[in-house]
Amino acid sequence: MTKNTDSYTPKPEHKFSFGLWTVGNRGRDPFGDVVRPVLSPVDAVAMLGDVGAWGVNLHDNDLVPIDASAAERDRIVRDFQHACRQQGIVVPMATVNLFYDPAFRDGAFTANDSKVRAYALQARGFDTVLRVCTAAVFTVAGIGAIVLSLANR
């Protein structure tokens, strides 16, 4: 008996989207170091285009290193947007990483410490997120999210 696998073949209308942090993950040997070379965001987008993906999601610092200058950020974002256009890849969702920094251990926007809340509001990643996506997602204390739709801009 032959099983019809065509119904399991991804199609563009399925709108598969992948996290930039997943396709660019370098992996780590439990007893050693990373196991894969760096994959730039532009190369990740090209690979996703090659496999027929619809979109890529990201955190600000998946795309732009936290210590990048404004000029570096602008170049990285410009190159990424160009790669997305070339491959027909959309960025349906992006968010600012407000969880990795130990300062946010008790929350970012909802932290009891007003200095931590101010730090969260000044996060440089907001600019990156607002430039590249159609919906910006800001998680609030891990229990909910604010979604800002940018689709009609």
N, C-alpha and C. Protein backbone atom coordinates (compact mmCIF):
# COMPACT_ATOMS: atom_id res chain seq x y z
N MET A 1 0.85 -1.18 0.00
CA MET A 1 0.00 0.00 0.00
C MET A 1 0.89 1.24 0.00
N THR A 2 0.65 2.14 -0.93
CA THR A 2 1.41 3.38 -1.04
C THR A 2 0.66 4.49 -0.35
N LYS A 3 1.37 5.19 0.52
CA LYS A 3 0.77 6.31 1.25
C LYS A 3 0.95 7.59 0.44
N ASN A 4 -0.10 8.38 0.33
CA ASN A 4 -0.04 9.64 -0.40
C ASN A 4 0.62 10.69 0.51
N THR A 5 1.91 10.98 0.25
CA THR A 5 2.62 11.96 1.08
C THR A 5 2.50 13.37 0.54
N ASP A 6 1.88 13.53 -0.63
CA ASP A 6 1.74 14.87 -1.20
C ASP A 6 0.95 15.80 -0.27
N SER A 7 0.02 15.24 0.47
CA SER A 7 -0.78 16.08 1.37
C SER A 7 0.08 16.63 2.52
N TYR A 8 1.27 16.06 2.74
CA TYR A 8 2.17 16.53 3.79
C TYR A 8 3.26 17.46 3.25
N THR A 9 3.29 17.67 1.96
CA THR A 9 4.30 18.53 1.35
C THR A 9 3.93 19.99 1.61
N PRO A 10 4.85 20.76 2.21
CA PRO A 10 4.54 22.17 2.47
C PRO A 10 4.26 22.94 1.17
N LYS A 11 3.29 23.84 1.25
CA LYS A 11 2.93 24.68 0.12
C LYS A 11 2.96 26.14 0.59
N PRO A 12 3.18 27.07 -0.34
CA PRO A 12 3.25 28.49 0.06
C PRO A 12 2.03 28.96 0.87
N GLU A 13 0.86 28.47 0.55
CA GLU A 13 -0.34 28.92 1.27
C GLU A 13 -0.37 28.46 2.73
N HIS A 14 0.51 27.53 3.09
CA HIS A 14 0.60 27.10 4.49
C HIS A 14 1.33 28.14 5.35
N LYS A 15 2.08 29.01 4.71
CA LYS A 15 2.76 30.13 5.37
C LYS A 15 3.67 29.67 6.53
N PHE A 16 4.59 28.77 6.22
CA PHE A 16 5.55 28.34 7.23
C PHE A 16 6.51 29.48 7.56
N SER A 17 6.71 29.68 8.83
CA SER A 17 7.58 30.74 9.32
C SER A 17 8.53 30.14 10.35
N PHE A 18 9.78 30.59 10.34
CA PHE A 18 10.79 30.04 11.22
C PHE A 18 11.46 31.15 12.01
N GLY A 19 11.88 30.85 13.22
CA GLY A 19 12.60 31.81 14.04
C GLY A 19 14.05 31.93 13.59
N LEU A 20 14.51 33.16 13.43
CA LEU A 20 15.90 33.39 13.05
C LEU A 20 16.84 32.75 14.07
N TRP A 21 16.42 32.72 15.33
CA TRP A 21 17.24 32.11 16.39
C TRP A 21 17.32 30.59 16.24
N THR A 22 16.38 29.98 15.53
CA THR A 22 16.44 28.53 15.36
C THR A 22 17.31 28.14 14.17
N VAL A 23 17.12 28.78 13.04
CA VAL A 23 17.92 28.41 11.86
C VAL A 23 19.36 28.89 11.99
N GLY A 24 19.59 29.90 12.80
CA GLY A 24 20.95 30.39 12.99
C GLY A 24 21.62 29.84 14.23
N ASN A 25 20.95 28.93 14.93
CA ASN A 25 21.50 28.38 16.16
C ASN A 25 22.75 27.55 15.85
N ARG A 26 23.80 27.82 16.56
CA ARG A 26 25.08 27.14 16.31
C ARG A 26 25.17 25.79 17.00
N GLY A 27 24.21 25.47 17.84
CA GLY A 27 24.26 24.20 18.55
C GLY A 27 25.43 24.16 19.51
N ARG A 28 25.40 23.24 20.42
CA ARG A 28 26.50 23.15 21.38
C ARG A 28 26.63 21.69 21.82
N ASP A 29 27.85 21.22 21.75
CA ASP A 29 28.15 19.89 22.25
C ASP A 29 28.08 19.95 23.77
N PRO A 30 27.38 19.01 24.42
CA PRO A 30 27.27 19.09 25.88
C PRO A 30 28.63 19.03 26.60
N PHE A 31 29.65 18.51 25.90
CA PHE A 31 30.98 18.43 26.51
C PHE A 31 31.99 19.31 25.79
N GLY A 32 31.49 20.24 24.98
CA GLY A 32 32.41 21.06 24.22
C GLY A 32 31.80 22.37 23.80
N ASP A 33 32.21 22.82 22.66
CA ASP A 33 31.83 24.14 22.17
C ASP A 33 30.76 24.02 21.08
N VAL A 34 30.56 25.10 20.34
CA VAL A 34 29.57 25.13 19.26
C VAL A 34 29.92 24.12 18.18
N VAL A 35 28.90 23.64 17.46
CA VAL A 35 29.13 22.57 16.48
C VAL A 35 28.83 22.99 15.04
N ARG A 36 28.30 24.19 14.86
CA ARG A 36 28.01 24.69 13.51
C ARG A 36 28.61 26.08 13.35
N PRO A 37 28.98 26.43 12.11
CA PRO A 37 29.52 27.78 11.88
C PRO A 37 28.41 28.83 11.98
N VAL A 38 28.83 30.07 12.10
CA VAL A 38 27.90 31.20 12.13
C VAL A 38 27.14 31.24 10.81
N LEU A 39 25.84 31.47 10.89
CA LEU A 39 25.00 31.65 9.71
C LEU A 39 24.43 33.06 9.80
N SER A 40 24.86 33.94 8.91
CA SER A 40 24.40 35.33 8.98
C SER A 40 22.89 35.39 8.72
N PRO A 41 22.22 36.42 9.20
CA PRO A 41 20.80 36.57 8.93
C PRO A 41 20.48 36.58 7.43
N VAL A 42 21.35 37.20 6.62
CA VAL A 42 21.13 37.23 5.17
C VAL A 42 21.21 35.82 4.60
N ASP A 43 22.20 35.03 5.04
CA ASP A 43 22.32 33.65 4.57
C ASP A 43 21.15 32.79 5.08
N ALA A 44 20.69 33.06 6.29
CA ALA A 44 19.54 32.33 6.82
C ALA A 44 18.30 32.59 5.98
N VAL A 45 18.10 33.84 5.58
CA VAL A 45 16.95 34.19 4.74
C VAL A 45 17.07 33.51 3.38
N ALA A 46 18.27 33.47 2.81
CA ALA A 46 18.47 32.79 1.53
C ALA A 46 18.12 31.31 1.66
N MET A 47 18.56 30.67 2.74
CA MET A 47 18.26 29.26 2.96
C MET A 47 16.76 29.04 3.12
N LEU A 48 16.10 29.91 3.86
CA LEU A 48 14.66 29.79 4.04
C LEU A 48 13.93 29.97 2.71
N GLY A 49 14.41 30.91 1.90
CA GLY A 49 13.82 31.08 0.57
C GLY A 49 13.99 29.84 -0.28
N ASP A 50 15.16 29.21 -0.20
CA ASP A 50 15.44 28.00 -0.97
C ASP A 50 14.52 26.84 -0.59
N VAL A 51 14.14 26.74 0.69
CA VAL A 51 13.29 25.63 1.11
C VAL A 51 11.80 25.97 1.03
N GLY A 52 11.48 27.18 0.56
CA GLY A 52 10.08 27.53 0.36
C GLY A 52 9.38 28.12 1.56
N ALA A 53 10.14 28.61 2.53
CA ALA A 53 9.51 29.23 3.70
C ALA A 53 8.80 30.51 3.30
N TRP A 54 7.81 30.88 4.07
CA TRP A 54 7.05 32.11 3.85
C TRP A 54 7.64 33.26 4.64
N GLY A 55 8.07 32.96 5.89
CA GLY A 55 8.52 34.06 6.74
C GLY A 55 9.59 33.67 7.73
N VAL A 56 10.11 34.70 8.38
CA VAL A 56 11.11 34.54 9.44
C VAL A 56 10.74 35.50 10.57
N ASN A 57 10.79 35.00 11.79
CA ASN A 57 10.51 35.79 12.99
C ASN A 57 11.83 36.03 13.71
N LEU A 58 11.89 37.06 14.53
CA LEU A 58 13.17 37.33 15.19
C LEU A 58 13.02 38.16 16.44
N HIS A 59 14.06 38.08 17.26
CA HIS A 59 14.28 39.03 18.35
C HIS A 59 15.25 40.07 17.78
N ASP A 60 15.21 41.26 18.30
CA ASP A 60 16.08 42.33 17.81
C ASP A 60 17.54 41.90 17.76
N ASN A 61 18.02 41.25 18.81
CA ASN A 61 19.44 40.91 18.85
C ASN A 61 19.78 39.60 18.12
N ASP A 62 18.78 38.92 17.54
CA ASP A 62 19.07 37.84 16.59
C ASP A 62 19.59 38.44 15.29
N LEU A 63 19.13 39.64 15.01
CA LEU A 63 19.49 40.33 13.77
C LEU A 63 20.65 41.29 13.98
N VAL A 64 20.54 42.14 14.97
CA VAL A 64 21.55 43.18 15.22
C VAL A 64 22.21 42.94 16.57
N PRO A 65 23.53 42.74 16.60
CA PRO A 65 24.21 42.56 17.89
C PRO A 65 23.97 43.75 18.80
N ILE A 66 23.84 43.46 20.07
CA ILE A 66 23.50 44.51 21.04
C ILE A 66 24.53 45.63 21.08
N ASP A 67 25.78 45.32 20.73
CA ASP A 67 26.82 46.34 20.79
C ASP A 67 27.10 47.01 19.44
N ALA A 68 26.22 46.80 18.46
CA ALA A 68 26.40 47.41 17.14
C ALA A 68 26.19 48.92 17.21
N SER A 69 26.95 49.63 16.43
CA SER A 69 26.74 51.09 16.34
C SER A 69 25.48 51.35 15.52
N ALA A 70 25.03 52.58 15.53
CA ALA A 70 23.84 52.93 14.74
C ALA A 70 24.09 52.68 13.25
N ALA A 71 25.29 53.00 12.77
CA ALA A 71 25.61 52.77 11.35
C ALA A 71 25.63 51.28 11.03
N GLU A 72 26.20 50.48 11.93
CA GLU A 72 26.19 49.02 11.71
C GLU A 72 24.77 48.48 11.70
N ARG A 73 23.95 48.94 12.66
CA ARG A 73 22.55 48.52 12.72
C ARG A 73 21.84 48.85 11.41
N ASP A 74 22.03 50.06 10.93
CA ASP A 74 21.36 50.47 9.69
C ASP A 74 21.78 49.59 8.51
N ARG A 75 23.08 49.26 8.42
CA ARG A 75 23.57 48.41 7.34
C ARG A 75 23.00 47.00 7.45
N ILE A 76 23.01 46.43 8.66
CA ILE A 76 22.49 45.08 8.88
C ILE A 76 21.01 45.01 8.53
N VAL A 77 20.23 45.98 9.00
CA VAL A 77 18.79 46.00 8.71
C VAL A 77 18.55 46.17 7.21
N ARG A 78 19.28 47.06 6.58
CA ARG A 78 19.13 47.28 5.13
C ARG A 78 19.45 45.99 4.34
N ASP A 79 20.55 45.33 4.69
CA ASP A 79 20.92 44.09 4.00
C ASP A 79 19.89 42.99 4.24
N PHE A 80 19.38 42.91 5.46
CA PHE A 80 18.37 41.91 5.80
C PHE A 80 17.08 42.16 5.03
N GLN A 81 16.63 43.41 5.01
CA GLN A 81 15.41 43.74 4.26
C GLN A 81 15.58 43.44 2.77
N HIS A 82 16.74 43.73 2.22
CA HIS A 82 17.02 43.43 0.81
C HIS A 82 16.95 41.92 0.56
N ALA A 83 17.56 41.14 1.45
CA ALA A 83 17.53 39.68 1.31
C ALA A 83 16.09 39.16 1.40
N CYS A 84 15.31 39.70 2.30
CA CYS A 84 13.91 39.29 2.42
C CYS A 84 13.13 39.59 1.14
N ARG A 85 13.33 40.76 0.60
CA ARG A 85 12.65 41.11 -0.67
C ARG A 85 13.08 40.17 -1.79
N GLN A 86 14.39 39.90 -1.89
CA GLN A 86 14.90 39.02 -2.94
C GLN A 86 14.31 37.62 -2.85
N GLN A 87 14.15 37.12 -1.65
CA GLN A 87 13.68 35.75 -1.44
C GLN A 87 12.16 35.65 -1.29
N GLY A 88 11.47 36.80 -1.23
CA GLY A 88 10.03 36.77 -1.02
C GLY A 88 9.65 36.35 0.39
N ILE A 89 10.54 36.61 1.34
CA ILE A 89 10.32 36.25 2.74
C ILE A 89 9.76 37.46 3.49
N VAL A 90 8.75 37.23 4.31
CA VAL A 90 8.19 38.30 5.13
C VAL A 90 8.63 38.11 6.58
N VAL A 91 8.53 39.17 7.36
CA VAL A 91 8.81 39.11 8.80
C VAL A 91 7.47 39.38 9.49
N PRO A 92 6.70 38.32 9.75
CA PRO A 92 5.38 38.54 10.32
C PRO A 92 5.40 38.96 11.78
N MET A 93 6.50 38.66 12.50
CA MET A 93 6.56 38.99 13.92
C MET A 93 8.01 39.21 14.34
N ALA A 94 8.22 40.23 15.12
CA ALA A 94 9.53 40.47 15.73
C ALA A 94 9.28 41.03 17.13
N THR A 95 10.25 40.84 17.98
CA THR A 95 10.11 41.33 19.34
C THR A 95 11.48 41.75 19.87
N VAL A 96 11.45 42.56 20.89
CA VAL A 96 12.67 43.00 21.55
C VAL A 96 13.00 41.99 22.65
N ASN A 97 14.24 41.57 22.73
CA ASN A 97 14.67 40.62 23.75
C ASN A 97 14.77 41.34 25.08
N LEU A 98 13.72 41.20 25.86
CA LEU A 98 13.70 41.80 27.20
C LEU A 98 13.65 40.70 28.26
N PHE A 99 14.41 39.63 28.02
CA PHE A 99 14.43 38.54 28.98
C PHE A 99 15.83 38.01 29.23
N TYR A 100 16.76 38.20 28.30
CA TYR A 100 18.08 37.61 28.43
C TYR A 100 18.95 38.35 29.45
N ASP A 101 18.88 39.66 29.44
CA ASP A 101 19.68 40.46 30.36
C ASP A 101 19.22 40.19 31.80
N PRO A 102 20.15 39.88 32.70
CA PRO A 102 19.79 39.62 34.09
C PRO A 102 19.01 40.77 34.75
N ALA A 103 19.11 41.97 34.23
CA ALA A 103 18.36 43.09 34.79
C ALA A 103 16.85 42.82 34.74
N PHE A 104 16.42 41.95 33.81
CA PHE A 104 14.99 41.70 33.62
C PHE A 104 14.51 40.44 34.35
N ARG A 105 15.27 39.96 35.31
CA ARG A 105 14.90 38.72 36.00
C ARG A 105 13.55 38.84 36.71
N ASP A 106 13.17 40.02 37.08
CA ASP A 106 11.87 40.24 37.72
C ASP A 106 10.90 40.95 36.79
N GLY A 107 11.12 40.83 35.49
CA GLY A 107 10.27 41.48 34.51
C GLY A 107 10.98 42.67 33.89
N ALA A 108 10.39 43.18 32.86
CA ALA A 108 10.95 44.34 32.16
C ALA A 108 10.00 45.52 32.34
N PHE A 109 8.90 45.51 31.58
CA PHE A 109 7.90 46.59 31.70
C PHE A 109 7.19 46.55 33.05
N THR A 110 7.16 45.37 33.68
CA THR A 110 6.40 45.20 34.91
C THR A 110 7.27 45.07 36.15
N ALA A 111 8.56 45.31 36.01
CA ALA A 111 9.48 45.20 37.16
C ALA A 111 9.08 46.21 38.24
N ASN A 112 9.31 45.83 39.48
CA ASN A 112 9.04 46.75 40.59
C ASN A 112 10.00 47.93 40.57
N ASP A 113 11.20 47.71 40.09
CA ASP A 113 12.25 48.73 40.07
C ASP A 113 12.02 49.68 38.88
N SER A 114 11.79 50.94 39.16
CA SER A 114 11.50 51.92 38.10
C SER A 114 12.69 52.08 37.14
N LYS A 115 13.92 51.87 37.63
CA LYS A 115 15.09 51.97 36.75
C LYS A 115 15.09 50.84 35.72
N VAL A 116 14.65 49.66 36.12
CA VAL A 116 14.57 48.53 35.19
C VAL A 116 13.48 48.81 34.15
N ARG A 117 12.34 49.33 34.57
CA ARG A 117 11.28 49.68 33.61
C ARG A 117 11.76 50.72 32.62
N ALA A 118 12.48 51.72 33.11
CA ALA A 118 13.02 52.76 32.22
C ALA A 118 14.02 52.16 31.24
N TYR A 119 14.86 51.26 31.72
CA TYR A 119 15.84 50.57 30.86
C TYR A 119 15.11 49.79 29.77
N ALA A 120 14.04 49.10 30.12
CA ALA A 120 13.26 48.33 29.14
C ALA A 120 12.67 49.25 28.07
N LEU A 121 12.16 50.39 28.49
CA LEU A 121 11.55 51.33 27.53
C LEU A 121 12.58 51.95 26.60
N GLN A 122 13.83 52.00 27.03
CA GLN A 122 14.88 52.60 26.21
C GLN A 122 15.64 51.58 25.38
N ALA A 123 15.19 50.34 25.41
CA ALA A 123 15.90 49.28 24.67
C ALA A 123 16.09 49.69 23.21
N ARG A 124 17.32 49.57 22.73
CA ARG A 124 17.65 49.97 21.36
C ARG A 124 16.93 49.12 20.33
N GLY A 125 16.54 47.92 20.71
CA GLY A 125 15.93 47.00 19.77
C GLY A 125 14.58 47.41 19.23
N PHE A 126 13.91 48.34 19.91
CA PHE A 126 12.60 48.79 19.43
C PHE A 126 12.70 49.32 18.01
N ASP A 127 13.73 50.09 17.75
CA ASP A 127 13.91 50.66 16.41
C ASP A 127 14.08 49.56 15.37
N THR A 128 14.88 48.56 15.68
CA THR A 128 15.09 47.43 14.75
C THR A 128 13.78 46.71 14.48
N VAL A 129 13.06 46.37 15.54
CA VAL A 129 11.80 45.64 15.41
C VAL A 129 10.80 46.41 14.56
N LEU A 130 10.67 47.69 14.82
CA LEU A 130 9.68 48.49 14.09
C LEU A 130 10.04 48.66 12.62
N ARG A 131 11.31 48.50 12.27
CA ARG A 131 11.73 48.63 10.88
C ARG A 131 11.45 47.39 10.04
N VAL A 132 11.47 46.20 10.65
CA VAL A 132 11.51 44.98 9.85
C VAL A 132 10.24 44.14 9.83
N CYS A 133 9.27 44.40 10.69
CA CYS A 133 8.18 43.44 10.79
C CYS A 133 6.81 44.04 10.55
N THR A 134 5.82 43.13 10.45
CA THR A 134 4.44 43.56 10.28
C THR A 134 3.68 43.52 11.60
N ALA A 135 4.22 42.82 12.61
CA ALA A 135 3.60 42.81 13.94
C ALA A 135 4.69 42.75 14.98
N ALA A 136 4.73 43.73 15.83
CA ALA A 136 5.71 43.76 16.91
C ALA A 136 5.04 43.21 18.16
N VAL A 137 5.70 42.27 18.82
CA VAL A 137 5.13 41.64 20.01
C VAL A 137 6.00 41.99 21.20
N PHE A 138 5.38 42.52 22.24
CA PHE A 138 6.09 42.87 23.46
C PHE A 138 5.47 42.08 24.60
N THR A 139 6.22 41.13 25.14
CA THR A 139 5.71 40.28 26.21
C THR A 139 5.72 41.05 27.52
N VAL A 140 4.65 40.89 28.26
CA VAL A 140 4.50 41.57 29.54
C VAL A 140 4.54 40.52 30.64
N ALA A 141 5.65 40.47 31.36
CA ALA A 141 5.83 39.60 32.52
C ALA A 141 5.57 38.13 32.21
N GLY A 142 5.73 37.72 30.98
CA GLY A 142 5.57 36.32 30.63
C GLY A 142 4.15 35.82 30.66
N ILE A 143 3.17 36.69 30.93
CA ILE A 143 1.79 36.23 31.06
C ILE A 143 0.87 36.79 29.99
N GLY A 144 1.37 37.67 29.19
CA GLY A 144 0.55 38.26 28.15
C GLY A 144 1.43 39.01 27.19
N ALA A 145 0.83 39.52 26.16
CA ALA A 145 1.63 40.24 25.18
C ALA A 145 0.83 41.40 24.62
N ILE A 146 1.56 42.41 24.22
CA ILE A 146 0.99 43.54 23.50
C ILE A 146 1.43 43.35 22.06
N VAL A 147 0.50 43.32 21.14
CA VAL A 147 0.84 43.15 19.73
C VAL A 147 0.51 44.44 19.01
N LEU A 148 1.51 45.00 18.38
CA LEU A 148 1.35 46.23 17.62
C LEU A 148 1.37 45.88 16.15
N SER A 149 0.24 46.01 15.48
CA SER A 149 0.18 45.66 14.07
C SER A 149 0.75 46.80 13.23
N LEU A 150 1.68 46.45 12.37
CA LEU A 150 2.33 47.43 11.52
C LEU A 150 2.05 47.14 10.05
N ALA A 151 1.05 46.33 9.80
CA ALA A 151 0.79 45.84 8.44
C ALA A 151 0.38 46.95 7.48
N ASN A 152 -0.24 47.99 7.95
CA ASN A 152 -0.76 49.03 7.05
C ASN A 152 0.11 50.27 6.99
N ARG A 153 1.40 50.11 7.19
CA ARG A 153 2.28 51.28 7.18
C ARG A 153 2.90 51.50 5.84
